[in-house]
Amino acid sequence: MDWISGLAIFTIVAGVTISVVVLLAVRRLRETLAEGAVRQGLQIKRLVETATMLYQQQQIAQERILGLTEANRKFAEELAALGERVADDDGPSRPGGAPRLLH
């Protein structure tokens, strides 16, 4: 075997080795990208679930605010009516002559 044949065999072996290394690297890159895509998909799913839950909580809070606003309006009306009744108390005295007290 002359030196040209040895060099050719060495070149072929080196080329095959490099090809195998490159193929393994590409395979690992694909696996890593696939794993990243799966993780990202799960994170997006969790974000969507969280956003949905927060939206529902916001709707419940908004309904509660509206209910409290209505109750506050009714309370203010009742308070105004009581204030008018107290202001209109210049009329006849209560039986027994005792002054009317608000507790």
PDB file of N, CA and C in Angstrom:
ATOM      1  N   MET A   1       0.838  -1.166   0.000  1.00  0.00           N
ATOM      2  CA  MET A   1       0.000   0.000   0.000  1.00  0.00           C
ATOM      3  C   MET A   1       0.888   1.236   0.000  1.00  0.00           C
ATOM      4  N   ASP A   2       0.675   2.036  -0.934  1.00  0.00           N
ATOM      5  CA  ASP A   2       1.492   3.242  -1.011  1.00  0.00           C
ATOM      6  C   ASP A   2       0.841   4.364  -0.180  1.00  0.00           C
ATOM      7  N   TRP A   3       1.520   5.448  -0.089  1.00  0.00           N
ATOM      8  CA  TRP A   3       1.065   6.546   0.780  1.00  0.00           C
ATOM      9  C   TRP A   3      -0.200   7.209   0.264  1.00  0.00           C
ATOM     10  N   ILE A   4      -0.464   7.161  -1.046  1.00  0.00           N
ATOM     11  CA  ILE A   4      -1.684   7.753  -1.603  1.00  0.00           C
ATOM     12  C   ILE A   4      -2.897   6.927  -1.160  1.00  0.00           C
ATOM     13  N   SER A   5      -2.781   5.634  -1.159  1.00  0.00           N
ATOM     14  CA  SER A   5      -3.884   4.777  -0.703  1.00  0.00           C
ATOM     15  C   SER A   5      -4.141   5.012   0.776  1.00  0.00           C
ATOM     16  N   GLY A   6      -3.100   5.128   1.567  1.00  0.00           N
ATOM     17  CA  GLY A   6      -3.235   5.402   3.009  1.00  0.00           C
ATOM     18  C   GLY A   6      -3.911   6.737   3.250  1.00  0.00           C
ATOM     19  N   LEU A   7      -3.515   7.747   2.471  1.00  0.00           N
ATOM     20  CA  LEU A   7      -4.132   9.072   2.599  1.00  0.00           C
ATOM     21  C   LEU A   7      -5.601   9.034   2.191  1.00  0.00           C
ATOM     22  N   ALA A   8      -5.916   8.276   1.156  1.00  0.00           N
ATOM     23  CA  ALA A   8      -7.307   8.151   0.711  1.00  0.00           C
ATOM     24  C   ALA A   8      -8.159   7.467   1.776  1.00  0.00           C
ATOM     25  N   ILE A   9      -7.644   6.402   2.366  1.00  0.00           N
ATOM     26  CA  ILE A   9      -8.382   5.698   3.427  1.00  0.00           C
ATOM     27  C   ILE A   9      -8.568   6.623   4.630  1.00  0.00           C
ATOM     28  N   PHE A  10      -7.492   7.325   5.000  1.00  0.00           N
ATOM     29  CA  PHE A  10      -7.586   8.263   6.119  1.00  0.00           C
ATOM     30  C   PHE A  10      -8.637   9.348   5.839  1.00  0.00           C
ATOM     31  N   THR A  11      -8.658   9.869   4.624  1.00  0.00           N
ATOM     32  CA  THR A  11      -9.624  10.908   4.244  1.00  0.00           C
ATOM     33  C   THR A  11     -11.046  10.363   4.302  1.00  0.00           C
ATOM     34  N   ILE A  12     -11.241   9.143   3.838  1.00  0.00           N
ATOM     35  CA  ILE A  12     -12.584   8.540   3.866  1.00  0.00           C
ATOM     36  C   ILE A  12     -13.036   8.325   5.307  1.00  0.00           C
ATOM     37  N   VAL A  13     -12.155   7.791   6.138  1.00  0.00           N
ATOM     38  CA  VAL A  13     -12.498   7.564   7.554  1.00  0.00           C
ATOM     39  C   VAL A  13     -12.784   8.898   8.245  1.00  0.00           C
ATOM     40  N   ALA A  14     -11.990   9.901   7.998  1.00  0.00           N
ATOM     41  CA  ALA A  14     -12.209  11.220   8.606  1.00  0.00           C
ATOM     42  C   ALA A  14     -13.538  11.800   8.135  1.00  0.00           C
ATOM     43  N   GLY A  15     -13.847  11.648   6.855  1.00  0.00           N
ATOM     44  CA  GLY A  15     -15.111  12.156   6.326  1.00  0.00           C
ATOM     45  C   GLY A  15     -16.310  11.456   6.940  1.00  0.00           C
ATOM     46  N   VAL A  16     -16.216  10.141   7.085  1.00  0.00           N
ATOM     47  CA  VAL A  16     -17.307   9.381   7.709  1.00  0.00           C
ATOM     48  C   VAL A  16     -17.465   9.793   9.167  1.00  0.00           C
ATOM     49  N   THR A  17     -16.338   9.943   9.866  1.00  0.00           N
ATOM     50  CA  THR A  17     -16.386  10.357  11.277  1.00  0.00           C
ATOM     51  C   THR A  17     -17.023  11.733  11.413  1.00  0.00           C
ATOM     52  N   ILE A  18     -16.620  12.648  10.590  1.00  0.00           N
ATOM     53  CA  ILE A  18     -17.193  13.999  10.633  1.00  0.00           C
ATOM     54  C   ILE A  18     -18.682  13.949  10.297  1.00  0.00           C
ATOM     55  N   SER A  19     -19.056  13.167   9.324  1.00  0.00           N
ATOM     56  CA  SER A  19     -20.474  13.046   8.953  1.00  0.00           C
ATOM     57  C   SER A  19     -21.297  12.504  10.104  1.00  0.00           C
ATOM     58  N   VAL A  20     -20.769  11.473  10.788  1.00  0.00           N
ATOM     59  CA  VAL A  20     -21.486  10.897  11.934  1.00  0.00           C
ATOM     60  C   VAL A  20     -21.621  11.928  13.044  1.00  0.00           C
ATOM     61  N   VAL A  21     -20.562  12.656  13.335  1.00  0.00           N
ATOM     62  CA  VAL A  21     -20.615  13.682  14.380  1.00  0.00           C
ATOM     63  C   VAL A  21     -21.632  14.761  14.028  1.00  0.00           C
ATOM     64  N   VAL A  22     -21.641  15.197  12.782  1.00  0.00           N
ATOM     65  CA  VAL A  22     -22.586  16.226  12.347  1.00  0.00           C
ATOM     66  C   VAL A  22     -24.017  15.692  12.433  1.00  0.00           C
ATOM     67  N   LEU A  23     -24.239  14.459  12.002  1.00  0.00           N
ATOM     68  CA  LEU A  23     -25.586  13.874  12.081  1.00  0.00           C
ATOM     69  C   LEU A  23     -26.064  13.757  13.526  1.00  0.00           C
ATOM     70  N   LEU A  24     -25.184  13.344  14.430  1.00  0.00           N
ATOM     71  CA  LEU A  24     -25.553  13.273  15.844  1.00  0.00           C
ATOM     72  C   LEU A  24     -25.858  14.652  16.417  1.00  0.00           C
ATOM     73  N   ALA A  25     -25.087  15.650  16.014  1.00  0.00           N
ATOM     74  CA  ALA A  25     -25.329  17.016  16.491  1.00  0.00           C
ATOM     75  C   ALA A  25     -26.670  17.536  15.983  1.00  0.00           C
ATOM     76  N   VAL A  26     -26.972  17.274  14.727  1.00  0.00           N
ATOM     77  CA  VAL A  26     -28.248  17.715  14.156  1.00  0.00           C
ATOM     78  C   VAL A  26     -29.403  17.004  14.856  1.00  0.00           C
ATOM     79  N   ARG A  27     -29.228  15.711  15.119  1.00  0.00           N
ATOM     80  CA  ARG A  27     -30.273  14.957  15.824  1.00  0.00           C
ATOM     81  C   ARG A  27     -30.518  15.551  17.208  1.00  0.00           C
ATOM     82  N   ARG A  28     -29.451  15.867  17.930  1.00  0.00           N
ATOM     83  CA  ARG A  28     -29.579  16.444  19.266  1.00  0.00           C
ATOM     84  C   ARG A  28     -30.236  17.825  19.197  1.00  0.00           C
ATOM     85  N   LEU A  29     -29.893  18.614  18.198  1.00  0.00           N
ATOM     86  CA  LEU A  29     -30.521  19.925  18.025  1.00  0.00           C
ATOM     87  C   LEU A  29     -32.024  19.780  17.782  1.00  0.00           C
ATOM     88  N   ARG A  30     -32.409  18.828  16.949  1.00  0.00           N
ATOM     89  CA  ARG A  30     -33.830  18.605  16.683  1.00  0.00           C
ATOM     90  C   ARG A  30     -34.569  18.188  17.951  1.00  0.00           C
ATOM     91  N   GLU A  31     -33.956  17.289  18.736  1.00  0.00           N
ATOM     92  CA  GLU A  31     -34.572  16.859  19.989  1.00  0.00           C
ATOM     93  C   GLU A  31     -34.729  18.032  20.951  1.00  0.00           C
ATOM     94  N   THR A  32     -33.702  18.855  21.045  1.00  0.00           N
ATOM     95  CA  THR A  32     -33.748  20.023  21.928  1.00  0.00           C
ATOM     96  C   THR A  32     -34.837  20.992  21.487  1.00  0.00           C
ATOM     97  N   LEU A  33     -34.927  21.224  20.189  1.00  0.00           N
ATOM     98  CA  LEU A  33     -35.962  22.127  19.684  1.00  0.00           C
ATOM     99  C   LEU A  33     -37.355  21.555  19.930  1.00  0.00           C
ATOM    100  N   ALA A  34     -37.515  20.256  19.766  1.00  0.00           N
ATOM    101  CA  ALA A  34     -38.815  19.630  20.007  1.00  0.00           C
ATOM    102  C   ALA A  34     -39.202  19.743  21.480  1.00  0.00           C
ATOM    103  N   GLU A  35     -38.240  19.493  22.370  1.00  0.00           N
ATOM    104  CA  GLU A  35     -38.503  19.625  23.803  1.00  0.00           C
ATOM    105  C   GLU A  35     -38.868  21.068  24.157  1.00  0.00           C
ATOM    106  N   GLY A  36     -38.156  22.011  23.574  1.00  0.00           N
ATOM    107  CA  GLY A  36     -38.459  23.426  23.813  1.00  0.00           C
ATOM    108  C   GLY A  36     -39.845  23.794  23.313  1.00  0.00           C
ATOM    109  N   ALA A  37     -40.222  23.258  22.176  1.00  0.00           N
ATOM    110  CA  ALA A  37     -41.554  23.543  21.635  1.00  0.00           C
ATOM    111  C   ALA A  37     -42.636  22.969  22.537  1.00  0.00           C
ATOM    112  N   VAL A  38     -42.404  21.775  23.083  1.00  0.00           N
ATOM    113  CA  VAL A  38     -43.380  21.168  23.995  1.00  0.00           C
ATOM    114  C   VAL A  38     -43.499  22.003  25.274  1.00  0.00           C
ATOM    115  N   ARG A  39     -42.354  22.399  25.833  1.00  0.00           N
ATOM    116  CA  ARG A  39     -42.387  23.240  27.038  1.00  0.00           C
ATOM    117  C   ARG A  39     -43.082  24.565  26.769  1.00  0.00           C
ATOM    118  N   GLN A  40     -42.790  25.154  25.632  1.00  0.00           N
ATOM    119  CA  GLN A  40     -43.414  26.429  25.292  1.00  0.00           C
ATOM    120  C   GLN A  40     -44.921  26.257  25.114  1.00  0.00           C
ATOM    121  N   GLY A  41     -45.341  25.150  24.503  1.00  0.00           N
ATOM    122  CA  GLY A  41     -46.764  24.882  24.339  1.00  0.00           C
ATOM    123  C   GLY A  41     -47.457  24.745  25.684  1.00  0.00           C
ATOM    124  N   LEU A  42     -46.814  24.062  26.633  1.00  0.00           N
ATOM    125  CA  LEU A  42     -47.394  23.919  27.973  1.00  0.00           C
ATOM    126  C   LEU A  42     -47.478  25.265  28.683  1.00  0.00           C
ATOM    127  N   GLN A  43     -46.453  26.081  28.515  1.00  0.00           N
ATOM    128  CA  GLN A  43     -46.475  27.404  29.141  1.00  0.00           C
ATOM    129  C   GLN A  43     -47.582  28.268  28.544  1.00  0.00           C
ATOM    130  N   ILE A  44     -47.767  28.192  27.250  1.00  0.00           N
ATOM    131  CA  ILE A  44     -48.841  28.957  26.611  1.00  0.00           C
ATOM    132  C   ILE A  44     -50.189  28.479  27.112  1.00  0.00           C
ATOM    133  N   LYS A  45     -50.351  27.169  27.250  1.00  0.00           N
ATOM    134  CA  LYS A  45     -51.601  26.617  27.763  1.00  0.00           C
ATOM    135  C   LYS A  45     -51.866  27.120  29.181  1.00  0.00           C
ATOM    136  N   ARG A  46     -50.823  27.113  30.030  1.00  0.00           N
ATOM    137  CA  ARG A  46     -50.993  27.615  31.398  1.00  0.00           C
ATOM    138  C   ARG A  46     -51.334  29.103  31.401  1.00  0.00           C
ATOM    139  N   LEU A  47     -50.701  29.864  30.518  1.00  0.00           N
ATOM    140  CA  LEU A  47     -51.003  31.297  30.440  1.00  0.00           C
ATOM    141  C   LEU A  47     -52.449  31.540  30.019  1.00  0.00           C
ATOM    142  N   VAL A  48     -52.923  30.756  29.061  1.00  0.00           N
ATOM    143  CA  VAL A  48     -54.315  30.899  28.618  1.00  0.00           C
ATOM    144  C   VAL A  48     -55.263  30.555  29.762  1.00  0.00           C
ATOM    145  N   GLU A  49     -54.962  29.483  30.501  1.00  0.00           N
ATOM    146  CA  GLU A  49     -55.805  29.111  31.639  1.00  0.00           C
ATOM    147  C   GLU A  49     -55.793  30.204  32.705  1.00  0.00           C
ATOM    148  N   THR A  50     -54.624  30.764  32.964  1.00  0.00           N
ATOM    149  CA  THR A  50     -54.517  31.833  33.959  1.00  0.00           C
ATOM    150  C   THR A  50     -55.285  33.068  33.507  1.00  0.00           C
ATOM    151  N   ALA A  51     -55.155  33.425  32.248  1.00  0.00           N
ATOM    152  CA  ALA A  51     -55.875  34.586  31.721  1.00  0.00           C
ATOM    153  C   ALA A  51     -57.382  34.362  31.804  1.00  0.00           C
ATOM    154  N   THR A  52     -57.832  33.156  31.501  1.00  0.00           N
ATOM    155  CA  THR A  52     -59.257  32.843  31.591  1.00  0.00           C
ATOM    156  C   THR A  52     -59.744  32.952  33.029  1.00  0.00           C
ATOM    157  N   MET A  53     -58.960  32.403  33.961  1.00  0.00           N
ATOM    158  CA  MET A  53     -59.329  32.464  35.372  1.00  0.00           C
ATOM    159  C   MET A  53     -59.378  33.915  35.855  1.00  0.00           C
ATOM    160  N   LEU A  54     -58.389  34.714  35.462  1.00  0.00           N
ATOM    161  CA  LEU A  54     -58.371  36.117  35.867  1.00  0.00           C
ATOM    162  C   LEU A  54     -59.547  36.881  35.279  1.00  0.00           C
ATOM    163  N   TYR A  55     -59.917  36.561  34.042  1.00  0.00           N
ATOM    164  CA  TYR A  55     -61.062  37.217  33.422  1.00  0.00           C
ATOM    165  C   TYR A  55     -62.341  36.872  34.186  1.00  0.00           C
ATOM    166  N   GLN A  56     -62.489  35.600  34.568  1.00  0.00           N
ATOM    167  CA  GLN A  56     -63.666  35.195  35.340  1.00  0.00           C
ATOM    168  C   GLN A  56     -63.695  35.892  36.693  1.00  0.00           C
ATOM    169  N   GLN A  57     -62.537  35.978  37.347  1.00  0.00           N
ATOM    170  CA  GLN A  57     -62.471  36.678  38.629  1.00  0.00           C
ATOM    171  C   GLN A  57     -62.815  38.157  38.457  1.00  0.00           C
ATOM    172  N   GLN A  58     -62.383  38.746  37.361  1.00  0.00           N
ATOM    173  CA  GLN A  58     -62.700  40.149  37.104  1.00  0.00           C
ATOM    174  C   GLN A  58     -64.199  40.318  36.907  1.00  0.00           C
ATOM    175  N   GLN A  59     -64.824  39.394  36.183  1.00  0.00           N
ATOM    176  CA  GLN A  59     -66.272  39.477  35.962  1.00  0.00           C
ATOM    177  C   GLN A  59     -67.019  39.360  37.289  1.00  0.00           C
ATOM    178  N   ILE A  60     -66.589  38.419  38.143  1.00  0.00           N
ATOM    179  CA  ILE A  60     -67.226  38.250  39.453  1.00  0.00           C
ATOM    180  C   ILE A  60     -67.046  39.512  40.288  1.00  0.00           C
ATOM    181  N   ALA A  61     -65.835  40.069  40.267  1.00  0.00           N
ATOM    182  CA  ALA A  61     -65.572  41.293  41.029  1.00  0.00           C
ATOM    183  C   ALA A  61     -66.410  42.457  40.486  1.00  0.00           C
ATOM    184  N   GLN A  62     -66.555  42.527  39.168  1.00  0.00           N
ATOM    185  CA  GLN A  62     -67.349  43.598  38.570  1.00  0.00           C
ATOM    186  C   GLN A  62     -68.817  43.466  38.991  1.00  0.00           C
ATOM    187  N   GLU A  63     -69.330  42.237  38.988  1.00  0.00           N
ATOM    188  CA  GLU A  63     -70.709  42.018  39.439  1.00  0.00           C
ATOM    189  C   GLU A  63     -70.860  42.397  40.903  1.00  0.00           C
ATOM    190  N   ARG A  64     -69.867  42.045  41.711  1.00  0.00           N
ATOM    191  CA  ARG A  64     -69.906  42.390  43.139  1.00  0.00           C
ATOM    192  C   ARG A  64     -69.881  43.907  43.319  1.00  0.00           C
ATOM    193  N   ILE A  65     -69.071  44.584  42.540  1.00  0.00           N
ATOM    194  CA  ILE A  65     -69.009  46.051  42.621  1.00  0.00           C
ATOM    195  C   ILE A  65     -70.358  46.661  42.262  1.00  0.00           C
ATOM    196  N   LEU A  66     -70.980  46.144  41.204  1.00  0.00           N
ATOM    197  CA  LEU A  66     -72.290  46.659  40.820  1.00  0.00           C
ATOM    198  C   LEU A  66     -73.317  46.414  41.918  1.00  0.00           C
ATOM    199  N   GLY A  67     -73.270  45.234  42.537  1.00  0.00           N
ATOM    200  CA  GLY A  67     -74.183  44.935  43.638  1.00  0.00           C
ATOM    201  C   GLY A  67     -73.958  45.864  44.816  1.00  0.00           C
ATOM    202  N   LEU A  68     -72.691  46.095  45.151  1.00  0.00           N
ATOM    203  CA  LEU A  68     -72.381  47.000  46.257  1.00  0.00           C
ATOM    204  C   LEU A  68     -72.770  48.441  45.931  1.00  0.00           C
ATOM    205  N   THR A  69     -72.614  48.834  44.684  1.00  0.00           N
ATOM    206  CA  THR A  69     -73.009  50.175  44.276  1.00  0.00           C
ATOM    207  C   THR A  69     -74.521  50.355  44.431  1.00  0.00           C
ATOM    208  N   GLU A  70     -75.273  49.343  44.022  1.00  0.00           N
ATOM    209  CA  GLU A  70     -76.737  49.398  44.158  1.00  0.00           C
ATOM    210  C   GLU A  70     -77.130  49.424  45.631  1.00  0.00           C
ATOM    211  N   ALA A  71     -76.492  48.596  46.452  1.00  0.00           N
ATOM    212  CA  ALA A  71     -76.792  48.588  47.886  1.00  0.00           C
ATOM    213  C   ALA A  71     -76.437  49.932  48.504  1.00  0.00           C
ATOM    214  N   ASN A  72     -75.345  50.535  48.078  1.00  0.00           N
ATOM    215  CA  ASN A  72     -74.943  51.846  48.589  1.00  0.00           C
ATOM    216  C   ASN A  72     -75.968  52.912  48.196  1.00  0.00           C
ATOM    217  N   ARG A  73     -76.470  52.818  46.953  1.00  0.00           N
ATOM    218  CA  ARG A  73     -77.477  53.779  46.513  1.00  0.00           C
ATOM    219  C   ARG A  73     -78.747  53.660  47.354  1.00  0.00           C
ATOM    220  N   LYS A  74     -79.182  52.418  47.600  1.00  0.00           N
ATOM    221  CA  LYS A  74     -80.378  52.202  48.426  1.00  0.00           C
ATOM    222  C   LYS A  74     -80.154  52.702  49.849  1.00  0.00           C
ATOM    223  N   PHE A  75     -78.974  52.426  50.384  1.00  0.00           N
ATOM    224  CA  PHE A  75     -78.650  52.881  51.725  1.00  0.00           C
ATOM    225  C   PHE A  75     -78.662  54.402  51.797  1.00  0.00           C
ATOM    226  N   ALA A  76     -78.127  55.052  50.783  1.00  0.00           N
ATOM    227  CA  ALA A  76     -78.113  56.522  50.756  1.00  0.00           C
ATOM    228  C   ALA A  76     -79.536  57.066  50.688  1.00  0.00           C
ATOM    229  N   GLU A  77     -80.395  56.401  49.905  1.00  0.00           N
ATOM    230  CA  GLU A  77     -81.794  56.837  49.841  1.00  0.00           C
ATOM    231  C   GLU A  77     -82.480  56.677  51.192  1.00  0.00           C
ATOM    232  N   GLU A  78     -82.240  55.540  51.856  1.00  0.00           N
ATOM    233  CA  GLU A  78     -82.839  55.321  53.175  1.00  0.00           C
ATOM    234  C   GLU A  78     -82.312  56.334  54.182  1.00  0.00           C
ATOM    235  N   LEU A  79     -81.033  56.625  54.114  1.00  0.00           N
ATOM    236  CA  LEU A  79     -80.439  57.603  55.022  1.00  0.00           C
ATOM    237  C   LEU A  79     -81.024  58.991  54.776  1.00  0.00           C
ATOM    238  N   ALA A  80     -81.220  59.340  53.504  1.00  0.00           N
ATOM    239  CA  ALA A  80     -81.825  60.639  53.184  1.00  0.00           C
ATOM    240  C   ALA A  80     -83.259  60.691  53.688  1.00  0.00           C
ATOM    241  N   ALA A  81     -83.988  59.587  53.544  1.00  0.00           N
ATOM    242  CA  ALA A  81     -85.365  59.544  54.026  1.00  0.00           C
ATOM    243  C   ALA A  81     -85.413  59.675  55.546  1.00  0.00           C
ATOM    244  N   LEU A  82     -84.493  59.028  56.234  1.00  0.00           N
ATOM    245  CA  LEU A  82     -84.435  59.170  57.692  1.00  0.00           C
ATOM    246  C   LEU A  82     -84.083  60.602  58.085  1.00  0.00           C
ATOM    247  N   GLY A  83     -83.176  61.207  57.326  1.00  0.00           N
ATOM    248  CA  GLY A  83     -82.817  62.597  57.606  1.00  0.00           C
ATOM    249  C   GLY A  83     -84.018  63.519  57.438  1.00  0.00           C
ATOM    250  N   GLU A  84     -84.830  63.267  56.417  1.00  0.00           N
ATOM    251  CA  GLU A  84     -86.026  64.078  56.206  1.00  0.00           C
ATOM    252  C   GLU A  84     -87.027  63.861  57.342  1.00  0.00           C
ATOM    253  N   ARG A  85     -87.159  62.607  57.786  1.00  0.00           N
ATOM    254  CA  ARG A  85     -88.097  62.320  58.893  1.00  0.00           C
ATOM    255  C   ARG A  85     -87.654  63.030  60.159  1.00  0.00           C
ATOM    256  N   VAL A  86     -86.356  63.051  60.419  1.00  0.00           N
ATOM    257  CA  VAL A  86     -85.858  63.731  61.611  1.00  0.00           C
ATOM    258  C   VAL A  86     -86.058  65.240  61.464  1.00  0.00           C
ATOM    259  N   ALA A  87     -85.838  65.773  60.268  1.00  0.00           N
ATOM    260  CA  ALA A  87     -86.004  67.208  60.044  1.00  0.00           C
ATOM    261  C   ALA A  87     -87.475  67.607  60.127  1.00  0.00           C
ATOM    262  N   ASP A  88     -88.353  66.701  59.722  1.00  0.00           N
ATOM    263  CA  ASP A  88     -89.787  66.984  59.770  1.00  0.00           C
ATOM    264  C   ASP A  88     -90.374  66.719  61.141  1.00  0.00           C
ATOM    265  N   ASP A  89     -89.581  66.490  62.126  1.00  0.00           N
ATOM    266  CA  ASP A  89     -90.063  66.149  63.462  1.00  0.00           C
ATOM    267  C   ASP A  89     -90.473  67.393  64.245  1.00  0.00           C
ATOM    268  N   ASP A  90     -90.708  68.478  63.570  1.00  0.00           N
ATOM    269  CA  ASP A  90     -91.174  69.696  64.232  1.00  0.00           C
ATOM    270  C   ASP A  90     -92.665  69.609  64.535  1.00  0.00           C
ATOM    271  N   GLY A  91     -93.291  68.539  64.120  1.00  0.00           N
ATOM    272  CA  GLY A  91     -94.726  68.346  64.300  1.00  0.00           C
ATOM    273  C   GLY A  91     -95.055  67.965  65.734  1.00  0.00           C
ATOM    274  N   PRO A  92     -96.161  67.260  65.898  1.00  0.00           N
ATOM    275  CA  PRO A  92     -96.620  66.911  67.251  1.00  0.00           C
ATOM    276  C   PRO A  92     -95.614  66.032  67.982  1.00  0.00           C
ATOM    277  N   SER A  93     -95.613  66.163  69.295  1.00  0.00           N
ATOM    278  CA  SER A  93     -94.701  65.407  70.136  1.00  0.00           C
ATOM    279  C   SER A  93     -95.124  63.952  70.184  1.00  0.00           C
ATOM    280  N   ARG A  94     -94.206  63.132  70.612  1.00  0.00           N
ATOM    281  CA  ARG A  94     -94.492  61.720  70.776  1.00  0.00           C
ATOM    282  C   ARG A  94     -95.328  61.539  72.029  1.00  0.00           C
ATOM    283  N   PRO A  95     -96.078  60.462  72.076  1.00  0.00           N
ATOM    284  CA  PRO A  95     -96.874  60.215  73.292  1.00  0.00           C
ATOM    285  C   PRO A  95     -95.961  60.139  74.508  1.00  0.00           C
ATOM    286  N   GLY A  96     -96.373  60.748  75.562  1.00  0.00           N
ATOM    287  CA  GLY A  96     -95.584  60.773  76.785  1.00  0.00           C
ATOM    288  C   GLY A  96     -94.646  61.959  76.833  1.00  0.00           C
ATOM    289  N   GLY A  97     -94.562  62.736  75.777  1.00  0.00           N
ATOM    290  CA  GLY A  97     -93.765  63.937  75.780  1.00  0.00           C
ATOM    291  C   GLY A  97     -92.252  63.672  75.715  1.00  0.00           C
ATOM    292  N   ALA A  98     -91.847  62.438  75.557  1.00  0.00           N
ATOM    293  CA  ALA A  98     -90.397  62.148  75.499  1.00  0.00           C
ATOM    294  C   ALA A  98     -89.860  62.522  74.129  1.00  0.00           C
ATOM    295  N   PRO A  99     -88.714  63.137  74.139  1.00  0.00           N
ATOM    296  CA  PRO A  99     -88.135  63.488  72.833  1.00  0.00           C
ATOM    297  C   PRO A  99     -87.696  62.219  72.071  1.00  0.00           C
ATOM    298  N   ARG A 100     -87.707  62.318  70.806  1.00  0.00           N
ATOM    299  CA  ARG A 100     -87.354  61.182  69.962  1.00  0.00           C
ATOM    300  C   ARG A 100     -85.841  61.132  69.800  1.00  0.00           C
ATOM    301  N   LEU A 101     -85.256  59.984  70.096  1.00  0.00           N
ATOM    302  CA  LEU A 101     -83.802  59.812  69.998  1.00  0.00           C
ATOM    303  C   LEU A 101     -83.478  58.778  68.938  1.00  0.00           C
ATOM    304  N   LEU A 102     -82.438  59.034  68.251  1.00  0.00           N
ATOM    305  CA  LEU A 102     -81.942  58.058  67.265  1.00  0.00           C
ATOM    306  C   LEU A 102     -80.773  57.321  67.893  1.00  0.00           C
ATOM    307  N   HIS A 103     -80.807  56.049  67.832  1.00  0.00           N
ATOM    308  CA  HIS A 103     -79.702  55.259  68.408  1.00  0.00           C
ATOM    309  C   HIS A 103     -78.892  54.691  67.299  1.00  0.00           C
TER     310      HIS A 103
END
